[in-house]
Amino acid sequence: MPNAFSFMAIIVCVLFFFLMNILYLPYLEKKIIEFRKKTKKKIWDGWKVILLYGLNGLKSLFRIDLVPPKMNSVLFSIAFFFLLGIILGTLALIPYGPATNFYGMTKGKLPLWIMNLETGLFSIFTLLTLSALSLLFVGLSFSSSAGLTAGFRSALRILSLGIPMAFSLVSITVLAGSLNLSAIVVAQSKVWYLFTLVGPVACGIYFFVSAIAVNQVFSSFSSSSMLEHQPPEHRDRINPFNFSVLFRNAYLIVISLLIVLVFLGGWLPMQIPERSVLGAGINRGLAELPAVFWLLLKFYLVIIFSLGMRIIISRFDEHRLINISWKVLVPGSLFLLIFTVGMKQKGWL
Protein backbone atom coordinates (compact mmCIF):
# COMPACT_ATOMS: atom_id res chain seq x y z
CA MET A 1 0.00 0.00 0.00
CA PRO A 2 1.36 3.44 -0.89
CA ASN A 3 2.12 5.89 1.86
CA ALA A 4 0.51 9.31 2.10
CA PHE A 5 3.39 11.07 0.33
CA SER A 6 3.38 8.79 -2.71
CA PHE A 7 -0.42 8.95 -2.89
CA MET A 8 -0.36 12.75 -2.92
CA ALA A 9 2.45 12.71 -5.50
CA ILE A 10 0.30 10.60 -7.84
CA ILE A 11 -2.62 13.00 -7.41
CA VAL A 12 -0.40 16.01 -8.17
CA CYS A 13 1.01 14.30 -11.27
CA VAL A 14 -2.49 13.47 -12.57
CA LEU A 15 -3.70 17.05 -12.00
CA PHE A 16 -0.58 18.43 -13.70
CA PHE A 17 -1.11 16.08 -16.64
CA PHE A 18 -4.74 17.21 -16.94
CA LEU A 19 -3.93 20.92 -16.70
CA MET A 20 -1.10 20.82 -19.24
CA ASN A 21 -3.26 19.00 -21.78
CA ILE A 22 -6.17 21.39 -21.24
CA LEU A 23 -3.89 24.37 -21.87
CA TYR A 24 -1.97 23.01 -24.85
CA LEU A 25 -4.48 20.90 -26.79
CA PRO A 26 -5.86 24.07 -28.48
CA TYR A 27 -2.29 24.94 -29.49
CA LEU A 28 -1.76 21.44 -30.90
CA GLU A 29 -5.03 21.67 -32.83
CA LYS A 30 -3.93 25.04 -34.21
CA LYS A 31 -0.62 23.54 -35.39
CA ILE A 32 -2.41 20.63 -37.07
CA ILE A 33 -4.66 23.07 -38.94
CA GLU A 34 -1.63 25.09 -40.05
CA PHE A 35 0.19 21.95 -41.18
CA ARG A 36 -2.83 20.76 -43.18
CA LYS A 37 -3.42 24.14 -44.84
CA LYS A 38 0.33 24.83 -45.11
CA THR A 39 -0.22 28.39 -44.00
CA LYS A 40 3.12 28.54 -42.20
CA LYS A 41 6.48 27.17 -43.28
CA LYS A 42 7.66 27.01 -39.69
CA ILE A 43 5.62 24.65 -37.52
CA TRP A 44 7.84 24.86 -34.44
CA ASP A 45 7.46 28.23 -32.68
CA GLY A 46 10.17 27.80 -30.07
CA TRP A 47 10.05 27.17 -26.34
CA LYS A 48 9.38 30.80 -25.40
CA VAL A 49 6.28 31.05 -27.60
CA ILE A 50 4.93 27.72 -26.36
CA LEU A 51 5.52 28.67 -22.73
CA LEU A 52 3.88 32.07 -23.27
CA TYR A 53 0.84 30.37 -24.84
CA GLY A 54 0.40 28.17 -21.77
CA LEU A 55 0.79 31.10 -19.38
CA ASN A 56 -1.79 33.14 -21.31
CA GLY A 57 -4.19 30.22 -21.23
CA LEU A 58 -3.68 29.80 -17.49
CA LYS A 59 -4.28 33.51 -16.95
CA SER A 60 -7.46 33.44 -19.03
CA LEU A 61 -8.93 30.81 -16.72
CA PHE A 62 -9.26 33.47 -14.03
CA ARG A 63 -9.38 36.68 -16.03
CA ILE A 64 -13.04 36.60 -17.19
CA ASP A 65 -16.10 35.88 -15.07
CA LEU A 66 -17.02 32.21 -15.04
CA VAL A 67 -20.79 32.79 -15.17
CA PRO A 68 -22.08 34.57 -18.30
CA PRO A 69 -24.53 37.43 -17.78
CA LYS A 70 -28.30 36.92 -17.57
CA MET A 71 -27.97 33.30 -16.45
CA ASN A 72 -28.77 31.57 -13.20
CA SER A 73 -25.38 31.64 -11.49
CA VAL A 74 -26.15 28.75 -9.14
CA LEU A 75 -27.24 26.29 -11.85
CA PHE A 76 -24.48 27.40 -14.18
CA SER A 77 -21.81 26.92 -11.52
CA ILE A 78 -23.26 23.52 -10.61
CA ALA A 79 -23.04 22.48 -14.26
CA PHE A 80 -19.44 23.62 -14.62
CA PHE A 81 -18.09 22.06 -11.43
CA PHE A 82 -20.21 18.94 -11.92
CA LEU A 83 -18.56 18.36 -15.30
CA LEU A 84 -15.13 19.16 -13.86
CA GLY A 85 -15.72 16.66 -11.04
CA ILE A 86 -16.74 13.97 -13.53
CA ILE A 87 -13.59 14.47 -15.60
CA LEU A 88 -11.32 14.43 -12.54
CA GLY A 89 -13.18 11.38 -11.21
CA THR A 90 -12.57 9.44 -14.40
CA LEU A 91 -8.88 10.39 -14.36
CA ALA A 92 -8.68 9.08 -10.78
CA LEU A 93 -10.06 5.70 -11.92
CA ILE A 94 -7.59 5.24 -14.77
CA PRO A 95 -4.37 3.25 -14.17
CA TYR A 96 -1.30 4.85 -15.73
CA GLY A 97 1.01 1.88 -15.44
CA PRO A 98 1.85 -1.18 -13.35
CA ALA A 99 3.23 -0.96 -9.84
CA THR A 100 6.90 0.03 -10.06
CA ASN A 101 9.90 0.78 -7.88
CA PHE A 102 11.22 3.38 -10.38
CA TYR A 103 14.33 1.33 -11.25
CA GLY A 104 15.20 0.68 -7.61
CA MET A 105 14.74 4.25 -6.43
CA THR A 106 12.05 3.22 -3.92
CA LYS A 107 12.05 0.37 -1.42
CA GLY A 108 8.73 -1.11 -2.49
CA LYS A 109 6.63 -0.99 -5.61
CA LEU A 110 4.29 1.99 -5.84
CA PRO A 111 1.07 1.87 -7.88
CA LEU A 112 0.66 4.34 -10.72
CA TRP A 113 -3.01 4.93 -10.08
CA ILE A 114 -5.24 6.65 -7.56
CA MET A 115 -7.99 4.01 -7.54
CA ASN A 116 -7.97 0.71 -9.42
CA LEU A 117 -11.49 -0.68 -9.09
CA GLU A 118 -12.50 -4.14 -10.25
CA THR A 119 -15.37 -2.46 -12.11
CA GLY A 120 -13.21 0.43 -13.30
CA LEU A 121 -14.39 0.48 -16.92
CA PHE A 122 -18.04 0.36 -15.87
CA SER A 123 -17.49 3.17 -13.35
CA ILE A 124 -15.76 5.39 -15.91
CA PHE A 125 -18.46 4.85 -18.51
CA THR A 126 -21.14 5.64 -15.91
CA LEU A 127 -19.41 8.91 -15.03
CA LEU A 128 -19.08 9.88 -18.69
CA THR A 129 -22.77 9.18 -19.21
CA LEU A 130 -23.60 11.46 -16.27
CA SER A 131 -21.82 14.29 -18.09
CA ALA A 132 -25.11 14.76 -19.95
CA LEU A 133 -26.52 16.21 -16.73
CA SER A 134 -24.08 19.11 -16.95
CA LEU A 135 -25.61 20.11 -20.28
CA LEU A 136 -29.04 19.82 -18.72
CA PHE A 137 -28.03 22.11 -15.84
CA VAL A 138 -26.64 24.67 -18.30
CA GLY A 139 -29.90 24.54 -20.25
CA LEU A 140 -31.86 25.13 -17.06
CA SER A 141 -29.68 28.14 -16.24
CA PHE A 142 -30.69 29.94 -19.45
CA SER A 143 -33.23 32.71 -19.13
CA SER A 144 -34.94 31.64 -22.39
CA SER A 145 -36.94 28.60 -23.39
CA ALA A 146 -34.67 28.13 -26.41
CA GLY A 147 -31.67 27.62 -24.14
CA LEU A 148 -33.60 25.11 -22.05
CA THR A 149 -34.56 23.21 -25.20
CA ALA A 150 -30.91 23.19 -26.36
CA GLY A 151 -29.84 21.73 -23.02
CA PHE A 152 -32.41 18.94 -23.11
CA ARG A 153 -31.65 18.07 -26.73
CA SER A 154 -27.89 17.94 -26.18
CA ALA A 155 -28.29 15.79 -23.06
CA LEU A 156 -30.52 13.33 -24.91
CA ARG A 157 -28.02 13.14 -27.77
CA ILE A 158 -25.22 12.27 -25.37
CA LEU A 159 -27.34 9.49 -23.84
CA SER A 160 -28.35 8.08 -27.23
CA LEU A 161 -24.74 8.11 -28.48
CA GLY A 162 -23.63 6.31 -25.33
CA ILE A 163 -25.50 3.13 -26.31
CA PRO A 164 -23.19 2.03 -29.16
CA MET A 165 -20.20 3.09 -27.05
CA ALA A 166 -21.37 0.77 -24.27
CA PHE A 167 -21.91 -2.19 -26.61
CA SER A 168 -18.46 -1.77 -28.16
CA LEU A 169 -16.75 -1.64 -24.76
CA VAL A 170 -18.72 -4.62 -23.44
CA SER A 171 -17.49 -6.63 -26.46
CA ILE A 172 -13.91 -6.03 -25.31
CA THR A 173 -14.70 -6.93 -21.70
CA VAL A 174 -16.06 -10.25 -22.99
CA LEU A 175 -12.67 -10.92 -24.58
CA ALA A 176 -10.74 -9.85 -21.47
CA GLY A 177 -13.11 -11.45 -18.96
CA SER A 178 -12.83 -8.47 -16.64
CA LEU A 179 -13.99 -4.89 -16.12
CA ASN A 180 -10.71 -3.94 -14.44
CA LEU A 181 -8.63 -1.75 -16.75
CA SER A 182 -5.31 -3.18 -15.52
CA ALA A 183 -6.57 -6.70 -16.23
CA ILE A 184 -7.70 -5.63 -19.71
CA VAL A 185 -4.21 -4.27 -20.42
CA VAL A 186 -2.50 -7.42 -19.13
CA ALA A 187 -4.83 -9.56 -21.30
CA GLN A 188 -3.32 -7.81 -24.36
CA SER A 189 0.21 -9.01 -23.60
CA LYS A 190 0.18 -11.31 -26.64
CA VAL A 191 -1.88 -9.23 -29.07
CA TRP A 192 -3.57 -5.87 -28.77
CA TYR A 193 -7.34 -6.00 -29.08
CA LEU A 194 -7.15 -3.61 -32.03
CA PHE A 195 -5.64 -6.45 -34.07
CA THR A 196 -8.15 -9.14 -33.06
CA LEU A 197 -11.18 -10.23 -35.07
CA VAL A 198 -13.68 -7.91 -33.37
CA GLY A 199 -11.26 -5.22 -32.20
CA PRO A 200 -11.18 -2.99 -35.33
CA VAL A 201 -14.98 -2.78 -35.53
CA ALA A 202 -15.38 -2.10 -31.79
CA CYS A 203 -12.60 0.51 -31.86
CA GLY A 204 -14.07 2.14 -34.98
CA ILE A 205 -17.51 2.47 -33.41
CA TYR A 206 -16.12 3.75 -30.11
CA PHE A 207 -13.77 6.22 -31.81
CA PHE A 208 -16.41 7.62 -34.15
CA VAL A 209 -18.94 8.12 -31.37
CA SER A 210 -16.60 9.42 -28.68
CA ALA A 211 -14.00 11.42 -30.61
CA ILE A 212 -16.19 12.79 -33.41
CA ALA A 213 -19.93 12.56 -32.72
CA VAL A 214 -19.96 13.39 -28.99
CA ASN A 215 -17.36 16.11 -29.60
CA GLN A 216 -19.70 17.78 -32.09
CA VAL A 217 -22.57 17.69 -29.59
CA PHE A 218 -20.43 19.25 -26.86
CA SER A 219 -18.81 21.87 -29.08
CA SER A 220 -22.02 22.92 -30.82
CA PHE A 221 -23.80 23.33 -27.48
CA SER A 222 -20.98 25.10 -25.67
CA SER A 223 -20.19 27.52 -28.49
CA SER A 224 -23.08 28.19 -30.86
CA SER A 225 -26.09 27.38 -28.70
CA MET A 226 -24.78 29.25 -25.68
CA LEU A 227 -23.69 32.32 -27.59
CA GLU A 228 -26.88 32.34 -29.63
CA HIS A 229 -29.03 32.92 -26.57
CA GLN A 230 -26.86 35.67 -25.08
CA PRO A 231 -27.16 39.41 -25.79
CA PRO A 232 -24.62 40.61 -28.41
CA GLU A 233 -22.88 42.89 -25.92
CA HIS A 234 -22.23 39.94 -23.59
CA ARG A 235 -21.04 37.32 -26.05
CA ASP A 236 -17.39 38.36 -25.91
CA ARG A 237 -17.37 37.92 -22.13
CA ILE A 238 -17.85 34.15 -22.29
CA ASN A 239 -14.42 32.69 -21.73
CA PRO A 240 -13.59 29.99 -24.32
CA PHE A 241 -11.10 28.37 -21.93
CA ASN A 242 -13.80 27.98 -19.29
CA PHE A 243 -16.34 26.35 -21.55
CA SER A 244 -15.39 25.13 -24.99
CA VAL A 245 -11.96 23.87 -23.94
CA LEU A 246 -13.26 22.08 -20.86
CA PHE A 247 -16.21 20.53 -22.68
CA ARG A 248 -14.34 19.34 -25.75
CA ASN A 249 -10.71 18.77 -24.77
CA ALA A 250 -11.24 17.34 -21.29
CA TYR A 251 -13.60 14.78 -22.80
CA LEU A 252 -11.03 14.05 -25.51
CA ILE A 253 -8.35 13.38 -22.88
CA VAL A 254 -10.48 10.76 -21.13
CA ILE A 255 -11.70 8.93 -24.22
CA SER A 256 -8.16 8.89 -25.70
CA LEU A 257 -6.83 7.28 -22.54
CA LEU A 258 -9.61 4.68 -22.72
CA ILE A 259 -8.78 3.92 -26.37
CA VAL A 260 -5.14 3.37 -25.43
CA LEU A 261 -5.96 1.12 -22.47
CA VAL A 262 -8.76 -0.91 -24.05
CA PHE A 263 -7.57 -1.28 -27.66
CA LEU A 264 -3.86 -0.41 -27.87
CA GLY A 265 -2.34 -2.38 -24.99
CA GLY A 266 -2.07 0.51 -22.54
CA TRP A 267 1.46 0.74 -21.18
CA LEU A 268 2.63 -2.47 -22.88
CA PRO A 269 5.58 -1.86 -25.24
CA MET A 270 5.39 -2.19 -28.99
CA GLN A 271 6.82 -5.46 -30.27
CA ILE A 272 8.12 -6.65 -33.64
CA PRO A 273 8.07 -10.24 -34.95
CA GLU A 274 10.91 -12.23 -33.38
CA ARG A 275 12.12 -13.93 -36.54
CA SER A 276 15.78 -13.34 -35.77
CA VAL A 277 18.14 -12.63 -32.91
CA LEU A 278 18.01 -8.96 -33.88
CA GLY A 279 14.23 -8.88 -33.51
CA ALA A 280 14.39 -10.48 -30.05
CA GLY A 281 17.06 -8.00 -28.97
CA ILE A 282 15.01 -5.03 -30.18
CA ASN A 283 11.98 -6.30 -28.26
CA ARG A 284 14.02 -6.63 -25.08
CA GLY A 285 15.29 -3.09 -25.54
CA LEU A 286 11.77 -1.75 -26.09
CA ALA A 287 10.57 -3.56 -22.98
CA GLU A 288 13.19 -1.75 -20.89
CA LEU A 289 11.60 1.63 -21.58
CA PRO A 290 9.29 2.94 -18.83
CA ALA A 291 5.66 1.88 -18.99
CA VAL A 292 4.50 5.49 -18.67
CA PHE A 293 6.50 6.35 -21.80
CA TRP A 294 4.52 3.87 -23.89
CA LEU A 295 1.23 5.04 -22.41
CA LEU A 296 1.98 8.69 -23.20
CA LEU A 297 3.32 7.87 -26.67
CA LYS A 298 0.14 6.03 -27.64
CA PHE A 299 -2.00 8.66 -25.93
CA TYR A 300 -0.58 11.55 -27.96
CA LEU A 301 -0.70 9.55 -31.18
CA VAL A 302 -4.42 9.01 -30.55
CA ILE A 303 -4.83 12.70 -29.65
CA ILE A 304 -3.16 13.83 -32.88
CA PHE A 305 -5.23 11.40 -34.94
CA SER A 306 -8.43 12.52 -33.20
CA LEU A 307 -7.72 16.20 -33.75
CA GLY A 308 -6.85 15.50 -37.38
CA MET A 309 -10.10 13.61 -37.94
CA ARG A 310 -12.01 16.40 -36.18
CA ILE A 311 -10.58 18.85 -38.70
CA ILE A 312 -10.92 16.67 -41.81
CA ILE A 313 -14.44 15.33 -41.24
CA SER A 314 -17.05 17.99 -41.82
CA ARG A 315 -19.65 18.66 -39.17
CA PHE A 316 -22.63 16.31 -39.32
CA ASP A 317 -26.16 17.60 -39.30
CA GLU A 318 -27.60 16.89 -35.85
CA HIS A 319 -30.55 14.87 -37.19
CA ARG A 320 -28.27 12.93 -39.52
CA LEU A 321 -25.96 12.17 -36.61
CA ILE A 322 -28.79 10.70 -34.53
CA ASN A 323 -30.03 8.70 -37.53
CA ILE A 324 -26.57 7.21 -37.99
CA SER A 325 -26.46 6.34 -34.31
CA TRP A 326 -29.83 4.56 -34.12
CA LYS A 327 -29.92 3.02 -37.61
CA VAL A 328 -26.26 2.00 -38.03
CA LEU A 329 -24.16 2.19 -34.87
CA VAL A 330 -26.62 0.71 -32.34
CA PRO A 331 -27.58 -2.36 -34.46
CA GLY A 332 -23.96 -2.81 -35.58
CA SER A 333 -22.55 -2.65 -32.04
CA LEU A 334 -25.28 -4.96 -30.72
CA PHE A 335 -24.56 -7.52 -33.46
CA LEU A 336 -20.84 -7.22 -32.64
CA LEU A 337 -21.55 -7.95 -28.97
CA ILE A 338 -23.67 -11.01 -29.80
CA PHE A 339 -21.02 -12.22 -32.28
CA THR A 340 -18.24 -11.78 -29.69
CA VAL A 341 -20.16 -13.70 -27.01
CA GLY A 342 -20.87 -16.55 -29.44
CA MET A 343 -17.25 -16.76 -30.62
CA LYS A 344 -16.02 -16.64 -27.01
CA GLN A 345 -18.31 -19.45 -25.93
CA LYS A 346 -17.11 -21.59 -28.86
CA GLY A 347 -13.52 -20.92 -27.80
CA TRP A 348 -12.62 -19.28 -31.12
CA LEU A 349 -11.56 -16.00 -29.47
Foldseek 3Di string as FASTA:
>chain_A
DDDPVVLVVLLVVLVVVLLVLLQCLVVLLVLLVCVVVVPDPDSDPDPVVSVVSSVVLVVLVPPFDQDFPQWDPVLLVCLLVLLVVLLSVLSQQFFLAAFACVVVPHPDTDGNHNDFDQQSQVVNLVSQLCNLVSLCSQLVGHPDVLSNVLSVVLNVQSNLLSQLLVLLLVLLCLVQVTNTLVSLLVSCLPHFLCPDPLNVVSLVSNCCSQLAVNLLSQQCSQQVVVLVRDDPVRSVSNRCSSGNSSRRSSSLLSSLLVCCSNGVSRLQFDADDPPDPVRVVVNVVRRPDDSSVSNVVSSVVSSSVSSSCNVPDDDDDPVVSSCCSVVPSNVVSNVSSVVSNVCVVVVND
